[in-house]
């Protein structure tokens, strides 16, 4: 790593991105202009830009379930419409998010009771890491 920093005094600035409070520093990896160019070419060859655009446009790219992926809609905090089958899904998304907040607040503030009638004190979150449960 030292040799890369010695060869390029501006390496830290060149390979660090910042957005609000988030910093992405990839300067401390065996990464240079050649690697960056190769990665960008690979992304272009594989159509990453078009696939990203298809995701944001609500195209059905989830082939296992034949539906759009809605990661972008779940994270959309603006009033921008996100369309699936030419229909804005944001009103439904906001409605579900409001229900989730109401439920989580009820759990958090002891208003939601468990099976024993007592407030919940511990949560076990079990996830599968994706939406495909298999055949």
N, C-alpha and C. Protein backbone atom coordinates (compact mmCIF):
# COMPACT_ATOMS: atom_id res chain seq x y z
N UNK A 1 0.82 -1.19 0.00
CA UNK A 1 0.00 0.00 0.00
C UNK A 1 0.87 1.26 0.00
N UNK A 2 1.94 1.20 0.78
CA UNK A 2 2.78 2.39 0.87
C UNK A 2 3.24 2.88 -0.50
N UNK A 3 3.62 1.92 -1.35
CA UNK A 3 4.13 2.32 -2.66
C UNK A 3 3.07 3.06 -3.47
N UNK A 4 1.81 2.67 -3.35
CA UNK A 4 0.74 3.35 -4.07
C UNK A 4 0.56 4.78 -3.58
N UNK A 5 0.64 4.98 -2.26
CA UNK A 5 0.51 6.33 -1.70
C UNK A 5 1.74 7.18 -2.02
N UNK A 6 2.92 6.54 -2.06
CA UNK A 6 4.14 7.28 -2.40
C UNK A 6 4.12 7.74 -3.85
N UNK A 7 3.58 6.93 -4.74
CA UNK A 7 3.51 7.28 -6.16
C UNK A 7 2.48 8.37 -6.44
N UNK A 8 1.49 8.48 -5.59
CA UNK A 8 0.39 9.42 -5.85
C UNK A 8 -0.01 10.13 -4.56
N UNK A 9 0.47 11.36 -4.40
CA UNK A 9 0.19 12.13 -3.18
C UNK A 9 -1.30 12.41 -2.99
N UNK A 10 -2.06 12.43 -4.08
CA UNK A 10 -3.49 12.76 -4.00
C UNK A 10 -4.36 11.51 -4.00
N UNK A 11 -3.77 10.36 -3.73
CA UNK A 11 -4.49 9.10 -3.78
C UNK A 11 -5.71 9.11 -2.85
N UNK A 12 -5.53 9.56 -1.63
CA UNK A 12 -6.65 9.56 -0.67
C UNK A 12 -7.81 10.40 -1.20
N UNK A 13 -7.52 11.57 -1.75
CA UNK A 13 -8.59 12.43 -2.28
C UNK A 13 -9.21 11.83 -3.54
N UNK A 14 -8.38 11.23 -4.41
CA UNK A 14 -8.88 10.67 -5.67
C UNK A 14 -9.82 9.50 -5.45
N UNK A 15 -9.53 8.69 -4.44
CA UNK A 15 -10.29 7.47 -4.23
C UNK A 15 -11.13 7.51 -2.96
N UNK A 16 -11.67 8.67 -2.66
CA UNK A 16 -12.59 8.83 -1.54
C UNK A 16 -13.79 9.62 -2.03
N UNK A 17 -14.97 9.10 -1.77
CA UNK A 17 -16.22 9.78 -2.13
C UNK A 17 -16.95 10.14 -0.86
N UNK A 18 -17.60 11.29 -0.84
CA UNK A 18 -18.38 11.70 0.33
C UNK A 18 -19.75 12.16 -0.10
N UNK A 19 -20.74 11.78 0.67
CA UNK A 19 -22.11 12.23 0.45
C UNK A 19 -22.74 12.41 1.83
N UNK A 20 -23.03 13.64 2.18
CA UNK A 20 -23.55 13.96 3.51
C UNK A 20 -22.59 13.40 4.56
N UNK A 21 -23.09 12.53 5.45
CA UNK A 21 -22.25 11.97 6.51
C UNK A 21 -21.60 10.65 6.13
N UNK A 22 -21.75 10.23 4.89
CA UNK A 22 -21.22 8.94 4.44
C UNK A 22 -19.92 9.15 3.68
N UNK A 23 -18.89 8.42 4.08
CA UNK A 23 -17.60 8.47 3.39
C UNK A 23 -17.26 7.08 2.88
N UNK A 24 -16.92 7.00 1.60
CA UNK A 24 -16.50 5.75 0.98
C UNK A 24 -15.05 5.93 0.57
N UNK A 25 -14.14 5.34 1.34
CA UNK A 25 -12.71 5.48 1.08
C UNK A 25 -12.18 4.15 0.55
N UNK A 26 -11.92 4.12 -0.74
CA UNK A 26 -11.37 2.91 -1.33
C UNK A 26 -9.91 3.10 -1.73
N UNK A 27 -9.27 4.12 -1.15
CA UNK A 27 -7.87 4.40 -1.47
C UNK A 27 -6.92 3.37 -0.87
N UNK A 28 -7.36 2.67 0.15
CA UNK A 28 -6.50 1.71 0.84
C UNK A 28 -6.70 0.30 0.32
N UNK A 29 -6.94 0.21 -0.98
CA UNK A 29 -7.07 -1.06 -1.67
C UNK A 29 -6.13 -1.04 -2.86
N UNK A 30 -5.73 -2.18 -3.32
CA UNK A 30 -4.85 -2.27 -4.50
C UNK A 30 -5.66 -1.91 -5.73
N UNK A 31 -5.88 -0.63 -5.88
CA UNK A 31 -6.79 -0.07 -6.86
C UNK A 31 -6.09 1.11 -7.51
N UNK A 32 -6.13 1.18 -8.83
CA UNK A 32 -5.54 2.33 -9.53
C UNK A 32 -6.39 2.66 -10.75
N UNK A 33 -5.91 3.59 -11.57
CA UNK A 33 -6.67 4.03 -12.74
C UNK A 33 -6.94 2.87 -13.71
N UNK A 34 -5.99 1.94 -13.84
CA UNK A 34 -6.19 0.79 -14.73
C UNK A 34 -7.33 -0.09 -14.23
N UNK A 35 -7.36 -0.33 -12.93
CA UNK A 35 -8.43 -1.15 -12.35
C UNK A 35 -9.77 -0.43 -12.52
N UNK A 36 -9.79 0.87 -12.24
CA UNK A 36 -11.02 1.65 -12.39
C UNK A 36 -11.52 1.58 -13.83
N UNK A 37 -10.63 1.76 -14.78
CA UNK A 37 -11.02 1.71 -16.19
C UNK A 37 -11.56 0.32 -16.56
N UNK A 38 -10.90 -0.73 -16.07
CA UNK A 38 -11.35 -2.10 -16.36
C UNK A 38 -12.73 -2.36 -15.76
N UNK A 39 -12.96 -1.88 -14.54
CA UNK A 39 -14.26 -2.07 -13.90
C UNK A 39 -15.36 -1.30 -14.64
N UNK A 40 -15.06 -0.08 -15.04
CA UNK A 40 -16.04 0.71 -15.78
C UNK A 40 -16.35 0.07 -17.13
N UNK A 41 -15.33 -0.46 -17.79
CA UNK A 41 -15.56 -1.16 -19.07
C UNK A 41 -16.40 -2.41 -18.87
N UNK A 42 -16.12 -3.16 -17.81
CA UNK A 42 -16.90 -4.37 -17.52
C UNK A 42 -18.35 -4.00 -17.24
N UNK A 43 -18.57 -2.95 -16.47
CA UNK A 43 -19.94 -2.50 -16.18
C UNK A 43 -20.66 -2.12 -17.46
N UNK A 44 -19.95 -1.46 -18.35
CA UNK A 44 -20.55 -1.06 -19.63
C UNK A 44 -20.89 -2.29 -20.47
N UNK A 45 -19.95 -3.24 -20.55
CA UNK A 45 -20.17 -4.48 -21.31
C UNK A 45 -21.37 -5.27 -20.79
N UNK A 46 -21.54 -5.30 -19.48
CA UNK A 46 -22.59 -6.09 -18.85
C UNK A 46 -23.92 -5.34 -18.76
N UNK A 47 -23.94 -4.08 -19.19
CA UNK A 47 -25.19 -3.32 -19.22
C UNK A 47 -25.68 -2.89 -17.84
N UNK A 48 -24.75 -2.61 -16.94
CA UNK A 48 -25.13 -2.24 -15.57
C UNK A 48 -26.00 -0.99 -15.55
N UNK A 49 -25.65 0.01 -16.37
CA UNK A 49 -26.43 1.24 -16.40
C UNK A 49 -27.88 0.99 -16.80
N UNK A 50 -28.06 0.18 -17.83
CA UNK A 50 -29.41 -0.12 -18.31
C UNK A 50 -30.19 -0.93 -17.25
N UNK A 51 -29.49 -1.84 -16.58
CA UNK A 51 -30.15 -2.65 -15.54
C UNK A 51 -30.54 -1.77 -14.35
N UNK A 52 -29.66 -0.82 -14.01
CA UNK A 52 -29.99 0.11 -12.93
C UNK A 52 -31.20 0.95 -13.30
N UNK A 53 -31.21 1.46 -14.54
CA UNK A 53 -32.34 2.27 -15.00
C UNK A 53 -33.63 1.45 -14.99
N UNK A 54 -33.54 0.19 -15.41
CA UNK A 54 -34.72 -0.68 -15.41
C UNK A 54 -35.26 -0.85 -14.00
N UNK A 55 -34.36 -0.97 -13.02
CA UNK A 55 -34.80 -1.10 -11.63
C UNK A 55 -35.54 0.16 -11.19
N UNK A 56 -34.98 1.33 -11.49
CA UNK A 56 -35.62 2.58 -11.08
C UNK A 56 -36.92 2.84 -11.83
N UNK A 57 -37.06 2.27 -13.01
CA UNK A 57 -38.28 2.48 -13.81
C UNK A 57 -39.39 1.50 -13.47
N UNK A 58 -39.13 0.55 -12.57
CA UNK A 58 -40.16 -0.40 -12.18
C UNK A 58 -40.33 -1.56 -13.13
N UNK A 59 -39.32 -1.79 -13.98
CA UNK A 59 -39.36 -2.94 -14.89
C UNK A 59 -39.28 -4.23 -14.08
N UNK A 60 -39.95 -5.26 -14.55
CA UNK A 60 -39.94 -6.55 -13.85
C UNK A 60 -38.60 -7.24 -14.06
N UNK A 61 -37.66 -6.99 -13.14
CA UNK A 61 -36.34 -7.58 -13.26
C UNK A 61 -36.12 -8.73 -12.29
N UNK A 62 -37.04 -8.96 -11.37
CA UNK A 62 -36.95 -10.11 -10.47
C UNK A 62 -37.50 -11.31 -11.23
N UNK A 63 -36.60 -12.08 -11.82
CA UNK A 63 -37.03 -13.17 -12.69
C UNK A 63 -37.62 -14.35 -11.92
N UNK A 64 -37.25 -14.54 -10.65
CA UNK A 64 -37.80 -15.67 -9.90
C UNK A 64 -39.26 -15.45 -9.53
N UNK A 65 -39.66 -14.19 -9.40
CA UNK A 65 -41.05 -13.88 -9.02
C UNK A 65 -41.78 -13.12 -10.11
N UNK A 66 -41.10 -12.86 -11.23
CA UNK A 66 -41.66 -12.13 -12.35
C UNK A 66 -42.33 -10.82 -11.91
N UNK A 67 -41.56 -10.03 -11.18
CA UNK A 67 -42.09 -8.74 -10.73
C UNK A 67 -40.96 -7.73 -10.60
N UNK A 68 -41.37 -6.49 -10.42
CA UNK A 68 -40.39 -5.42 -10.22
C UNK A 68 -39.79 -5.57 -8.82
N UNK A 69 -38.58 -5.10 -8.67
CA UNK A 69 -37.99 -5.01 -7.34
C UNK A 69 -38.34 -3.63 -6.81
N UNK A 70 -38.65 -3.54 -5.56
CA UNK A 70 -39.13 -2.25 -5.04
C UNK A 70 -38.19 -1.64 -4.00
N UNK A 71 -36.91 -2.00 -4.07
CA UNK A 71 -35.93 -1.41 -3.16
C UNK A 71 -35.98 0.11 -3.23
N UNK A 72 -36.06 0.62 -4.45
CA UNK A 72 -36.05 2.06 -4.65
C UNK A 72 -37.29 2.71 -4.06
N UNK A 73 -38.43 2.07 -4.18
CA UNK A 73 -39.67 2.63 -3.64
C UNK A 73 -39.63 2.65 -2.12
N UNK A 74 -39.10 1.60 -1.51
CA UNK A 74 -39.04 1.53 -0.05
C UNK A 74 -38.12 2.60 0.53
N UNK A 75 -37.14 3.03 -0.25
CA UNK A 75 -36.19 4.02 0.24
C UNK A 75 -36.50 5.43 -0.27
N UNK A 76 -37.54 5.58 -1.05
CA UNK A 76 -37.91 6.88 -1.64
C UNK A 76 -38.56 7.76 -0.57
N UNK A 77 -37.89 8.80 -0.17
CA UNK A 77 -38.45 9.72 0.84
C UNK A 77 -38.93 11.02 0.20
N UNK A 78 -38.93 11.06 -1.13
CA UNK A 78 -39.40 12.25 -1.83
C UNK A 78 -40.83 12.01 -2.30
N UNK A 79 -41.36 12.96 -3.03
CA UNK A 79 -42.70 12.79 -3.61
C UNK A 79 -42.63 12.25 -5.03
N UNK A 80 -41.44 11.80 -5.44
CA UNK A 80 -41.26 11.28 -6.80
C UNK A 80 -42.04 9.98 -6.97
N UNK A 81 -42.77 9.89 -8.06
CA UNK A 81 -43.54 8.67 -8.35
C UNK A 81 -42.60 7.55 -8.76
N UNK A 82 -42.90 6.35 -8.29
CA UNK A 82 -42.22 5.15 -8.74
C UNK A 82 -43.30 4.27 -9.33
N UNK A 83 -43.15 3.96 -10.62
CA UNK A 83 -44.23 3.26 -11.32
C UNK A 83 -43.89 1.81 -11.59
N UNK A 84 -44.89 0.96 -11.41
CA UNK A 84 -44.84 -0.45 -11.77
C UNK A 84 -46.08 -0.70 -12.61
N UNK A 85 -45.91 -1.26 -13.78
CA UNK A 85 -47.02 -1.44 -14.72
C UNK A 85 -47.76 -0.13 -14.95
N UNK A 86 -46.98 0.95 -15.04
CA UNK A 86 -47.48 2.30 -15.31
C UNK A 86 -48.36 2.86 -14.19
N UNK A 87 -48.28 2.28 -12.98
CA UNK A 87 -49.06 2.76 -11.84
C UNK A 87 -48.11 3.17 -10.73
N UNK A 88 -48.33 4.37 -10.17
CA UNK A 88 -47.50 4.86 -9.08
C UNK A 88 -47.76 4.01 -7.83
N UNK A 89 -46.71 3.36 -7.32
CA UNK A 89 -46.85 2.50 -6.14
C UNK A 89 -46.56 3.23 -4.84
N UNK A 90 -46.14 4.50 -4.91
CA UNK A 90 -45.75 5.22 -3.71
C UNK A 90 -46.87 5.40 -2.69
N UNK A 91 -48.13 5.64 -3.08
CA UNK A 91 -49.17 5.72 -2.05
C UNK A 91 -49.27 4.43 -1.23
N UNK A 92 -49.18 3.28 -1.88
CA UNK A 92 -49.23 2.00 -1.15
C UNK A 92 -48.00 1.83 -0.26
N UNK A 93 -46.84 2.20 -0.79
CA UNK A 93 -45.60 2.08 -0.02
C UNK A 93 -45.68 2.94 1.23
N UNK A 94 -46.12 4.20 1.07
CA UNK A 94 -46.21 5.10 2.22
C UNK A 94 -47.21 4.59 3.25
N UNK A 95 -48.30 3.99 2.79
CA UNK A 95 -49.30 3.43 3.69
C UNK A 95 -48.71 2.28 4.51
N UNK A 96 -47.98 1.40 3.86
CA UNK A 96 -47.36 0.27 4.57
C UNK A 96 -46.28 0.76 5.53
N UNK A 97 -45.47 1.72 5.10
CA UNK A 97 -44.44 2.27 5.99
C UNK A 97 -45.06 2.92 7.22
N UNK A 98 -46.19 3.60 7.05
CA UNK A 98 -46.88 4.22 8.19
C UNK A 98 -47.38 3.15 9.15
N UNK A 99 -47.91 2.04 8.62
CA UNK A 99 -48.36 0.93 9.48
C UNK A 99 -47.19 0.32 10.23
N UNK A 100 -46.06 0.18 9.55
CA UNK A 100 -44.87 -0.38 10.20
C UNK A 100 -44.40 0.53 11.33
N UNK A 101 -44.43 1.84 11.09
CA UNK A 101 -44.02 2.79 12.14
C UNK A 101 -44.96 2.73 13.33
N UNK A 102 -46.26 2.66 13.05
CA UNK A 102 -47.25 2.59 14.13
C UNK A 102 -47.02 1.34 14.98
N UNK A 103 -46.80 0.20 14.32
CA UNK A 103 -46.56 -1.05 15.05
C UNK A 103 -45.25 -0.98 15.84
N UNK A 104 -44.17 -0.54 15.19
CA UNK A 104 -42.88 -0.50 15.88
C UNK A 104 -42.89 0.48 17.04
N UNK A 105 -43.59 1.61 16.89
CA UNK A 105 -43.73 2.55 18.02
C UNK A 105 -44.51 1.92 19.16
N UNK A 106 -45.56 1.16 18.84
CA UNK A 106 -46.36 0.49 19.88
C UNK A 106 -45.49 -0.52 20.63
N UNK A 107 -44.64 -1.24 19.93
CA UNK A 107 -43.73 -2.18 20.59
C UNK A 107 -42.72 -1.41 21.42
N UNK A 108 -42.12 -0.39 20.83
CA UNK A 108 -41.08 0.39 21.48
C UNK A 108 -41.57 1.05 22.78
N UNK A 109 -42.80 1.55 22.78
CA UNK A 109 -43.30 2.30 23.94
C UNK A 109 -44.19 1.45 24.85
N UNK A 110 -44.17 0.13 24.66
CA UNK A 110 -44.86 -0.77 25.58
C UNK A 110 -46.36 -0.85 25.41
N UNK A 111 -46.91 -0.29 24.34
CA UNK A 111 -48.36 -0.35 24.12
C UNK A 111 -48.77 -1.68 23.52
N UNK A 112 -47.88 -2.33 22.80
CA UNK A 112 -48.16 -3.64 22.22
C UNK A 112 -47.73 -4.69 23.23
N UNK A 113 -48.62 -5.59 23.57
CA UNK A 113 -48.33 -6.62 24.56
C UNK A 113 -48.12 -7.96 23.88
N UNK A 114 -47.30 -8.78 24.48
CA UNK A 114 -47.05 -10.12 23.97
C UNK A 114 -48.12 -11.09 24.43
N UNK A 115 -47.90 -12.38 24.19
CA UNK A 115 -48.85 -13.45 24.52
C UNK A 115 -49.22 -13.45 26.01
N UNK A 116 -48.27 -13.10 26.86
CA UNK A 116 -48.50 -13.12 28.31
C UNK A 116 -49.19 -11.87 28.81
N UNK A 117 -49.42 -10.91 27.93
CA UNK A 117 -50.03 -9.65 28.34
C UNK A 117 -49.01 -8.62 28.81
N UNK A 118 -47.74 -9.00 28.80
CA UNK A 118 -46.68 -8.08 29.21
C UNK A 118 -46.07 -7.41 27.97
N UNK A 119 -45.46 -6.24 28.23
CA UNK A 119 -44.80 -5.56 27.11
C UNK A 119 -43.58 -6.36 26.67
N UNK A 120 -43.26 -6.23 25.41
CA UNK A 120 -42.10 -6.93 24.86
C UNK A 120 -40.82 -6.22 25.27
N UNK A 121 -39.82 -7.01 25.63
CA UNK A 121 -38.53 -6.42 26.01
C UNK A 121 -37.39 -6.87 25.09
N UNK A 122 -37.60 -7.97 24.37
CA UNK A 122 -36.57 -8.49 23.47
C UNK A 122 -37.20 -8.85 22.13
N UNK A 123 -36.44 -8.64 21.09
CA UNK A 123 -36.90 -8.98 19.74
C UNK A 123 -35.88 -9.93 19.12
N UNK A 124 -36.36 -11.01 18.53
CA UNK A 124 -35.51 -11.90 17.75
C UNK A 124 -35.93 -11.71 16.30
N UNK A 125 -35.03 -11.20 15.50
CA UNK A 125 -35.32 -10.94 14.09
C UNK A 125 -34.68 -12.04 13.26
N UNK A 126 -35.51 -12.83 12.60
CA UNK A 126 -35.00 -13.90 11.76
C UNK A 126 -35.30 -13.55 10.31
N UNK A 127 -34.27 -13.42 9.52
CA UNK A 127 -34.44 -13.08 8.11
C UNK A 127 -33.79 -14.11 7.23
N UNK A 128 -34.18 -14.11 5.97
CA UNK A 128 -33.60 -15.08 5.03
C UNK A 128 -32.60 -14.43 4.09
N UNK A 129 -32.49 -13.11 4.15
CA UNK A 129 -31.51 -12.43 3.31
C UNK A 129 -31.91 -12.25 1.87
N UNK A 130 -33.17 -12.43 1.56
CA UNK A 130 -33.62 -12.25 0.19
C UNK A 130 -35.09 -12.58 0.08
N UNK A 131 -35.61 -12.46 -1.12
CA UNK A 131 -37.05 -12.68 -1.27
C UNK A 131 -37.39 -14.03 -1.88
N UNK A 132 -36.40 -14.79 -2.30
CA UNK A 132 -36.66 -16.09 -2.93
C UNK A 132 -36.57 -17.19 -1.89
N UNK A 133 -37.71 -17.79 -1.56
CA UNK A 133 -37.73 -18.85 -0.55
C UNK A 133 -37.42 -20.22 -1.14
N UNK A 134 -37.22 -20.29 -2.42
CA UNK A 134 -36.90 -21.56 -3.06
C UNK A 134 -38.10 -22.18 -3.71
N UNK A 135 -37.94 -23.42 -4.21
CA UNK A 135 -39.05 -24.06 -4.95
C UNK A 135 -40.23 -24.41 -4.06
